[in-house]
Amino acid sequence: MTQIYDPRNMEWSYWTALIAEQYEAQQLTWPVPEEKWQDFALSVCSIALFNNYGVPSPIGFDRWQDWAFAYTNAVN
């Protein structure tokens, strides 16, 4: 059973570590400073697996937590 994480109450470094571990085969660029969260999100969106899940672009999201919550809903 896959663990589902709610990023809205997490620290950036903790959430990205979980995602990098969970999707190790995709070789996500990590660690990434929180102020570059959109760069990380764009790199995630460029991977076919996440694109197939319908992970949204970070453009239009003001906070990484909101994008990460949308990401979580897409992949689960």
PDB file of N, CA and C in Angstrom:
ATOM      1  N   MET A   1       0.848  -1.182   0.000  1.00  0.00           N
ATOM      2  CA  MET A   1       0.000   0.000   0.000  1.00  0.00           C
ATOM      3  C   MET A   1       0.891   1.242   0.000  1.00  0.00           C
ATOM      4  N   THR A   2       0.593   2.173  -0.862  1.00  0.00           N
ATOM      5  CA  THR A   2       1.359   3.403  -0.962  1.00  0.00           C
ATOM      6  C   THR A   2       0.917   4.388   0.112  1.00  0.00           C
ATOM      7  N   GLN A   3       1.889   4.978   0.771  1.00  0.00           N
ATOM      8  CA  GLN A   3       1.615   6.009   1.775  1.00  0.00           C
ATOM      9  C   GLN A   3       1.270   7.308   1.053  1.00  0.00           C
ATOM     10  N   ILE A   4       0.200   7.968   1.463  1.00  0.00           N
ATOM     11  CA  ILE A   4      -0.189   9.249   0.883  1.00  0.00           C
ATOM     12  C   ILE A   4       0.168  10.344   1.872  1.00  0.00           C
ATOM     13  N   TYR A   5       0.933  11.310   1.411  1.00  0.00           N
ATOM     14  CA  TYR A   5       1.398  12.405   2.258  1.00  0.00           C
ATOM     15  C   TYR A   5       0.639  13.683   1.931  1.00  0.00           C
ATOM     16  N   ASP A   6       0.215  14.389   2.965  1.00  0.00           N
ATOM     17  CA  ASP A   6      -0.432  15.689   2.785  1.00  0.00           C
ATOM     18  C   ASP A   6       0.636  16.761   2.990  1.00  0.00           C
ATOM     19  N   PRO A   7       1.065  17.425   1.928  1.00  0.00           N
ATOM     20  CA  PRO A   7       2.177  18.370   2.021  1.00  0.00           C
ATOM     21  C   PRO A   7       1.834  19.694   2.689  1.00  0.00           C
ATOM     22  N   ARG A   8       0.563  19.952   2.919  1.00  0.00           N
ATOM     23  CA  ARG A   8       0.167  21.273   3.414  1.00  0.00           C
ATOM     24  C   ARG A   8       0.702  21.599   4.800  1.00  0.00           C
ATOM     25  N   ASN A   9       1.067  20.592   5.561  1.00  0.00           N
ATOM     26  CA  ASN A   9       1.613  20.836   6.899  1.00  0.00           C
ATOM     27  C   ASN A   9       3.026  20.308   7.044  1.00  0.00           C
ATOM     28  N   MET A  10       3.755  20.243   5.943  1.00  0.00           N
ATOM     29  CA  MET A  10       5.128  19.729   5.950  1.00  0.00           C
ATOM     30  C   MET A  10       6.118  20.831   5.619  1.00  0.00           C
ATOM     31  N   GLU A  11       7.337  20.590   6.011  1.00  0.00           N
ATOM     32  CA  GLU A  11       8.452  21.439   5.583  1.00  0.00           C
ATOM     33  C   GLU A  11       8.838  21.019   4.166  1.00  0.00           C
ATOM     34  N   TRP A  12       9.288  21.985   3.384  1.00  0.00           N
ATOM     35  CA  TRP A  12       9.700  21.725   1.999  1.00  0.00           C
ATOM     36  C   TRP A  12      10.738  20.606   1.919  1.00  0.00           C
ATOM     37  N   SER A  13      11.773  20.681   2.728  1.00  0.00           N
ATOM     38  CA  SER A  13      12.855  19.691   2.650  1.00  0.00           C
ATOM     39  C   SER A  13      12.350  18.283   2.964  1.00  0.00           C
ATOM     40  N   TYR A  14      11.429  18.162   3.894  1.00  0.00           N
ATOM     41  CA  TYR A  14      10.878  16.853   4.254  1.00  0.00           C
ATOM     42  C   TYR A  14      10.022  16.302   3.112  1.00  0.00           C
ATOM     43  N   TRP A  15       9.162  17.143   2.558  1.00  0.00           N
ATOM     44  CA  TRP A  15       8.287  16.682   1.486  1.00  0.00           C
ATOM     45  C   TRP A  15       9.087  16.260   0.258  1.00  0.00           C
ATOM     46  N   THR A  16      10.058  17.068  -0.145  1.00  0.00           N
ATOM     47  CA  THR A  16      10.837  16.712  -1.337  1.00  0.00           C
ATOM     48  C   THR A  16      11.659  15.448  -1.105  1.00  0.00           C
ATOM     49  N   ALA A  17      12.139  15.251   0.111  1.00  0.00           N
ATOM     50  CA  ALA A  17      12.870  14.017   0.418  1.00  0.00           C
ATOM     51  C   ALA A  17      11.960  12.799   0.266  1.00  0.00           C
ATOM     52  N   LEU A  18      10.730  12.911   0.736  1.00  0.00           N
ATOM     53  CA  LEU A  18       9.776  11.810   0.599  1.00  0.00           C
ATOM     54  C   LEU A  18       9.485  11.503  -0.861  1.00  0.00           C
ATOM     55  N   ILE A  19       9.278  12.548  -1.644  1.00  0.00           N
ATOM     56  CA  ILE A  19       8.957  12.360  -3.060  1.00  0.00           C
ATOM     57  C   ILE A  19      10.161  11.791  -3.811  1.00  0.00           C
ATOM     58  N   ALA A  20      11.348  12.295  -3.513  1.00  0.00           N
ATOM     59  CA  ALA A  20      12.555  11.790  -4.172  1.00  0.00           C
ATOM     60  C   ALA A  20      12.771  10.314  -3.845  1.00  0.00           C
ATOM     61  N   GLU A  21      12.478   9.925  -2.619  1.00  0.00           N
ATOM     62  CA  GLU A  21      12.612   8.518  -2.232  1.00  0.00           C
ATOM     63  C   GLU A  21      11.521   7.666  -2.880  1.00  0.00           C
ATOM     64  N   GLN A  22      10.303   8.147  -2.849  1.00  0.00           N
ATOM     65  CA  GLN A  22       9.179   7.395  -3.397  1.00  0.00           C
ATOM     66  C   GLN A  22       9.334   7.164  -4.903  1.00  0.00           C
ATOM     67  N   TYR A  23       9.899   8.135  -5.598  1.00  0.00           N
ATOM     68  CA  TYR A  23      10.069   8.041  -7.050  1.00  0.00           C
ATOM     69  C   TYR A  23      11.551   8.042  -7.413  1.00  0.00           C
ATOM     70  N   GLU A  24      12.319   7.249  -6.694  1.00  0.00           N
ATOM     71  CA  GLU A  24      13.769   7.181  -6.891  1.00  0.00           C
ATOM     72  C   GLU A  24      14.137   6.849  -8.336  1.00  0.00           C
ATOM     73  N   ALA A  25      13.384   5.993  -8.974  1.00  0.00           N
ATOM     74  CA  ALA A  25      13.686   5.585 -10.352  1.00  0.00           C
ATOM     75  C   ALA A  25      13.619   6.749 -11.337  1.00  0.00           C
ATOM     76  N   GLN A  26      12.882   7.808 -10.991  1.00  0.00           N
ATOM     77  CA  GLN A  26      12.766   8.962 -11.879  1.00  0.00           C
ATOM     78  C   GLN A  26      13.926   9.937 -11.704  1.00  0.00           C
ATOM     79  N   GLN A  27      14.797   9.694 -10.745  1.00  0.00           N
ATOM     80  CA  GLN A  27      15.996  10.506 -10.508  1.00  0.00           C
ATOM     81  C   GLN A  27      15.680  11.997 -10.429  1.00  0.00           C
ATOM     82  N   LEU A  28      14.756  12.337  -9.553  1.00  0.00           N
ATOM     83  CA  LEU A  28      14.408  13.744  -9.352  1.00  0.00           C
ATOM     84  C   LEU A  28      15.607  14.525  -8.835  1.00  0.00           C
ATOM     85  N   THR A  29      15.747  15.750  -9.297  1.00  0.00           N
ATOM     86  CA  THR A  29      16.804  16.628  -8.804  1.00  0.00           C
ATOM     87  C   THR A  29      16.454  17.026  -7.381  1.00  0.00           C
ATOM     88  N   TRP A  30      17.321  16.672  -6.463  1.00  0.00           N
ATOM     89  CA  TRP A  30      17.059  16.914  -5.051  1.00  0.00           C
ATOM     90  C   TRP A  30      18.378  16.896  -4.299  1.00  0.00           C
ATOM     91  N   PRO A  31      18.609  17.704  -3.307  1.00  0.00           N
ATOM     92  CA  PRO A  31      17.712  18.701  -2.714  1.00  0.00           C
ATOM     93  C   PRO A  31      17.663  19.991  -3.530  1.00  0.00           C
ATOM     94  N   VAL A  32      16.559  20.679  -3.385  1.00  0.00           N
ATOM     95  CA  VAL A  32      16.320  21.952  -4.055  1.00  0.00           C
ATOM     96  C   VAL A  32      15.895  22.951  -2.990  1.00  0.00           C
ATOM     97  N   PRO A  33      16.496  24.151  -2.979  1.00  0.00           N
ATOM     98  CA  PRO A  33      16.074  25.150  -1.993  1.00  0.00           C
ATOM     99  C   PRO A  33      14.602  25.525  -2.188  1.00  0.00           C
ATOM    100  N   GLU A  34      13.931  25.820  -1.099  1.00  0.00           N
ATOM    101  CA  GLU A  34      12.500  26.121  -1.152  1.00  0.00           C
ATOM    102  C   GLU A  34      12.181  27.278  -2.090  1.00  0.00           C
ATOM    103  N   GLU A  35      13.056  28.266  -2.169  1.00  0.00           N
ATOM    104  CA  GLU A  35      12.768  29.411  -3.037  1.00  0.00           C
ATOM    105  C   GLU A  35      12.789  29.032  -4.524  1.00  0.00           C
ATOM    106  N   LYS A  36      13.274  27.841  -4.843  1.00  0.00           N
ATOM    107  CA  LYS A  36      13.283  27.365  -6.233  1.00  0.00           C
ATOM    108  C   LYS A  36      12.265  26.240  -6.433  1.00  0.00           C
ATOM    109  N   TRP A  37      11.202  26.288  -5.647  1.00  0.00           N
ATOM    110  CA  TRP A  37      10.208  25.214  -5.701  1.00  0.00           C
ATOM    111  C   TRP A  37       9.583  25.080  -7.087  1.00  0.00           C
ATOM    112  N   GLN A  38       9.385  26.205  -7.790  1.00  0.00           N
ATOM    113  CA  GLN A  38       8.775  26.102  -9.125  1.00  0.00           C
ATOM    114  C   GLN A  38       9.704  25.391 -10.109  1.00  0.00           C
ATOM    115  N   ASP A  39      11.019  25.578  -9.960  1.00  0.00           N
ATOM    116  CA  ASP A  39      11.963  24.857 -10.817  1.00  0.00           C
ATOM    117  C   ASP A  39      11.838  23.351 -10.593  1.00  0.00           C
ATOM    118  N   PHE A  40      11.758  22.960  -9.318  1.00  0.00           N
ATOM    119  CA  PHE A  40      11.581  21.548  -8.980  1.00  0.00           C
ATOM    120  C   PHE A  40      10.274  21.027  -9.580  1.00  0.00           C
ATOM    121  N   ALA A  41       9.206  21.782  -9.397  1.00  0.00           N
ATOM    122  CA  ALA A  41       7.894  21.370  -9.895  1.00  0.00           C
ATOM    123  C   ALA A  41       7.900  21.239 -11.418  1.00  0.00           C
ATOM    124  N   LEU A  42       8.541  22.171 -12.101  1.00  0.00           N
ATOM    125  CA  LEU A  42       8.623  22.089 -13.562  1.00  0.00           C
ATOM    126  C   LEU A  42       9.412  20.863 -14.003  1.00  0.00           C
ATOM    127  N   SER A  43      10.478  20.529 -13.263  1.00  0.00           N
ATOM    128  CA  SER A  43      11.251  19.336 -13.615  1.00  0.00           C
ATOM    129  C   SER A  43      10.418  18.075 -13.398  1.00  0.00           C
ATOM    130  N   VAL A  44       9.602  18.062 -12.351  1.00  0.00           N
ATOM    131  CA  VAL A  44       8.696  16.932 -12.120  1.00  0.00           C
ATOM    132  C   VAL A  44       7.715  16.816 -13.288  1.00  0.00           C
ATOM    133  N   CYS A  45       7.141  17.930 -13.688  1.00  0.00           N
ATOM    134  CA  CYS A  45       6.152  17.929 -14.773  1.00  0.00           C
ATOM    135  C   CYS A  45       6.743  17.492 -16.109  1.00  0.00           C
ATOM    136  N   SER A  46       8.045  17.629 -16.274  1.00  0.00           N
ATOM    137  CA  SER A  46       8.676  17.262 -17.539  1.00  0.00           C
ATOM    138  C   SER A  46       8.920  15.758 -17.665  1.00  0.00           C
ATOM    139  N   ILE A  47       8.719  15.011 -16.593  1.00  0.00           N
ATOM    140  CA  ILE A  47       8.917  13.560 -16.609  1.00  0.00           C
ATOM    141  C   ILE A  47       7.617  12.898 -17.070  1.00  0.00           C
ATOM    142  N   ALA A  48       7.731  12.027 -18.056  1.00  0.00           N
ATOM    143  CA  ALA A  48       6.549  11.415 -18.679  1.00  0.00           C
ATOM    144  C   ALA A  48       5.616  10.761 -17.663  1.00  0.00           C
ATOM    145  N   LEU A  49       6.160  10.072 -16.681  1.00  0.00           N
ATOM    146  CA  LEU A  49       5.320   9.405 -15.684  1.00  0.00           C
ATOM    147  C   LEU A  49       4.369  10.387 -15.015  1.00  0.00           C
ATOM    148  N   PHE A  50       4.898  11.521 -14.576  1.00  0.00           N
ATOM    149  CA  PHE A  50       4.077  12.508 -13.881  1.00  0.00           C
ATOM    150  C   PHE A  50       3.138  13.230 -14.848  1.00  0.00           C
ATOM    151  N   ASN A  51       3.612  13.427 -16.063  1.00  0.00           N
ATOM    152  CA  ASN A  51       2.769  14.028 -17.090  1.00  0.00           C
ATOM    153  C   ASN A  51       1.558  13.133 -17.355  1.00  0.00           C
ATOM    154  N   ASN A  52       1.787  11.821 -17.402  1.00  0.00           N
ATOM    155  CA  ASN A  52       0.691  10.872 -17.616  1.00  0.00           C
ATOM    156  C   ASN A  52      -0.305  10.878 -16.462  1.00  0.00           C
ATOM    157  N   TYR A  53       0.172  11.153 -15.258  1.00  0.00           N
ATOM    158  CA  TYR A  53      -0.713  11.242 -14.088  1.00  0.00           C
ATOM    159  C   TYR A  53      -1.558  12.516 -14.108  1.00  0.00           C
ATOM    160  N   GLY A  54      -1.149  13.482 -14.919  1.00  0.00           N
ATOM    161  CA  GLY A  54      -1.867  14.752 -14.958  1.00  0.00           C
ATOM    162  C   GLY A  54      -1.419  15.733 -13.894  1.00  0.00           C
ATOM    163  N   VAL A  55      -0.158  15.623 -13.475  1.00  0.00           N
ATOM    164  CA  VAL A  55       0.380  16.567 -12.491  1.00  0.00           C
ATOM    165  C   VAL A  55       0.333  17.968 -13.102  1.00  0.00           C
ATOM    166  N   PRO A  56      -0.239  18.933 -12.397  1.00  0.00           N
ATOM    167  CA  PRO A  56      -0.388  20.273 -12.962  1.00  0.00           C
ATOM    168  C   PRO A  56       0.925  21.054 -12.978  1.00  0.00           C
ATOM    169  N   SER A  57       0.998  21.985 -13.890  1.00  0.00           N
ATOM    170  CA  SER A  57       2.120  22.917 -13.922  1.00  0.00           C
ATOM    171  C   SER A  57       2.075  23.781 -12.662  1.00  0.00           C
ATOM    172  N   PRO A  58       3.235  24.184 -12.155  1.00  0.00           N
ATOM    173  CA  PRO A  58       3.237  25.053 -10.978  1.00  0.00           C
ATOM    174  C   PRO A  58       2.834  26.492 -11.292  1.00  0.00           C
ATOM    175  N   ILE A  59       2.804  26.830 -12.581  1.00  0.00           N
ATOM    176  CA  ILE A  59       2.430  28.187 -12.966  1.00  0.00           C
ATOM    177  C   ILE A  59       0.994  28.441 -12.507  1.00  0.00           C
ATOM    178  N   GLY A  60       0.811  29.522 -11.805  1.00  0.00           N
ATOM    179  CA  GLY A  60      -0.511  29.841 -11.285  1.00  0.00           C
ATOM    180  C   GLY A  60      -0.684  29.492  -9.815  1.00  0.00           C
ATOM    181  N   PHE A  61       0.253  28.737  -9.264  1.00  0.00           N
ATOM    182  CA  PHE A  61       0.226  28.431  -7.836  1.00  0.00           C
ATOM    183  C   PHE A  61       1.146  29.413  -7.116  1.00  0.00           C
ATOM    184  N   ASP A  62       0.657  30.015  -6.051  1.00  0.00           N
ATOM    185  CA  ASP A  62       1.464  30.970  -5.289  1.00  0.00           C
ATOM    186  C   ASP A  62       2.352  30.300  -4.253  1.00  0.00           C
ATOM    187  N   ARG A  63       1.921  29.146  -3.771  1.00  0.00           N
ATOM    188  CA  ARG A  63       2.672  28.458  -2.716  1.00  0.00           C
ATOM    189  C   ARG A  63       2.966  27.026  -3.151  1.00  0.00           C
ATOM    190  N   TRP A  64       4.140  26.562  -2.755  1.00  0.00           N
ATOM    191  CA  TRP A  64       4.501  25.195  -3.119  1.00  0.00           C
ATOM    192  C   TRP A  64       3.537  24.188  -2.506  1.00  0.00           C
ATOM    193  N   GLN A  65       3.001  24.493  -1.307  1.00  0.00           N
ATOM    194  CA  GLN A  65       2.094  23.562  -0.643  1.00  0.00           C
ATOM    195  C   GLN A  65       0.830  23.324  -1.474  1.00  0.00           C
ATOM    196  N   ASP A  66       0.340  24.378  -2.106  1.00  0.00           N
ATOM    197  CA  ASP A  66      -0.863  24.240  -2.929  1.00  0.00           C
ATOM    198  C   ASP A  66      -0.586  23.393  -4.172  1.00  0.00           C
ATOM    199  N   TRP A  67       0.559  23.643  -4.813  1.00  0.00           N
ATOM    200  CA  TRP A  67       0.928  22.828  -5.964  1.00  0.00           C
ATOM    201  C   TRP A  67       1.160  21.378  -5.532  1.00  0.00           C
ATOM    202  N   ALA A  68       1.867  21.185  -4.433  1.00  0.00           N
ATOM    203  CA  ALA A  68       2.167  19.835  -3.956  1.00  0.00           C
ATOM    204  C   ALA A  68       0.892  19.071  -3.607  1.00  0.00           C
ATOM    205  N   PHE A  69      -0.107  19.765  -3.075  1.00  0.00           N
ATOM    206  CA  PHE A  69      -1.385  19.120  -2.780  1.00  0.00           C
ATOM    207  C   PHE A  69      -2.066  18.685  -4.082  1.00  0.00           C
ATOM    208  N   ALA A  70      -2.017  19.535  -5.098  1.00  0.00           N
ATOM    209  CA  ALA A  70      -2.575  19.179  -6.408  1.00  0.00           C
ATOM    210  C   ALA A  70      -1.792  18.014  -7.020  1.00  0.00           C
ATOM    211  N   TYR A  71      -0.474  18.030  -6.864  1.00  0.00           N
ATOM    212  CA  TYR A  71       0.379  16.925  -7.317  1.00  0.00           C
ATOM    213  C   TYR A  71      -0.059  15.620  -6.646  1.00  0.00           C
ATOM    214  N   THR A  72      -0.226  15.666  -5.327  1.00  0.00           N
ATOM    215  CA  THR A  72      -0.611  14.479  -4.564  1.00  0.00           C
ATOM    216  C   THR A  72      -1.949  13.931  -5.044  1.00  0.00           C
ATOM    217  N   ASN A  73      -2.892  14.813  -5.293  1.00  0.00           N
ATOM    218  CA  ASN A  73      -4.197  14.367  -5.801  1.00  0.00           C
ATOM    219  C   ASN A  73      -4.074  13.735  -7.186  1.00  0.00           C
ATOM    220  N   ALA A  74      -3.171  14.252  -8.006  1.00  0.00           N
ATOM    221  CA  ALA A  74      -3.004  13.717  -9.362  1.00  0.00           C
ATOM    222  C   ALA A  74      -2.383  12.319  -9.352  1.00  0.00           C
ATOM    223  N   VAL A  75      -1.380  12.106  -8.533  1.00  0.00           N
ATOM    224  CA  VAL A  75      -0.669  10.819  -8.561  1.00  0.00           C
ATOM    225  C   VAL A  75      -1.367   9.740  -7.745  1.00  0.00           C
ATOM    226  N   ASN A  76      -2.321  10.123  -6.932  1.00  0.00           N
ATOM    227  CA  ASN A  76      -3.038   9.126  -6.131  1.00  0.00           C
ATOM    228  C   ASN A  76      -4.406   9.007  -6.661  1.00  0.00           C
TER     229      ASN A  76
END
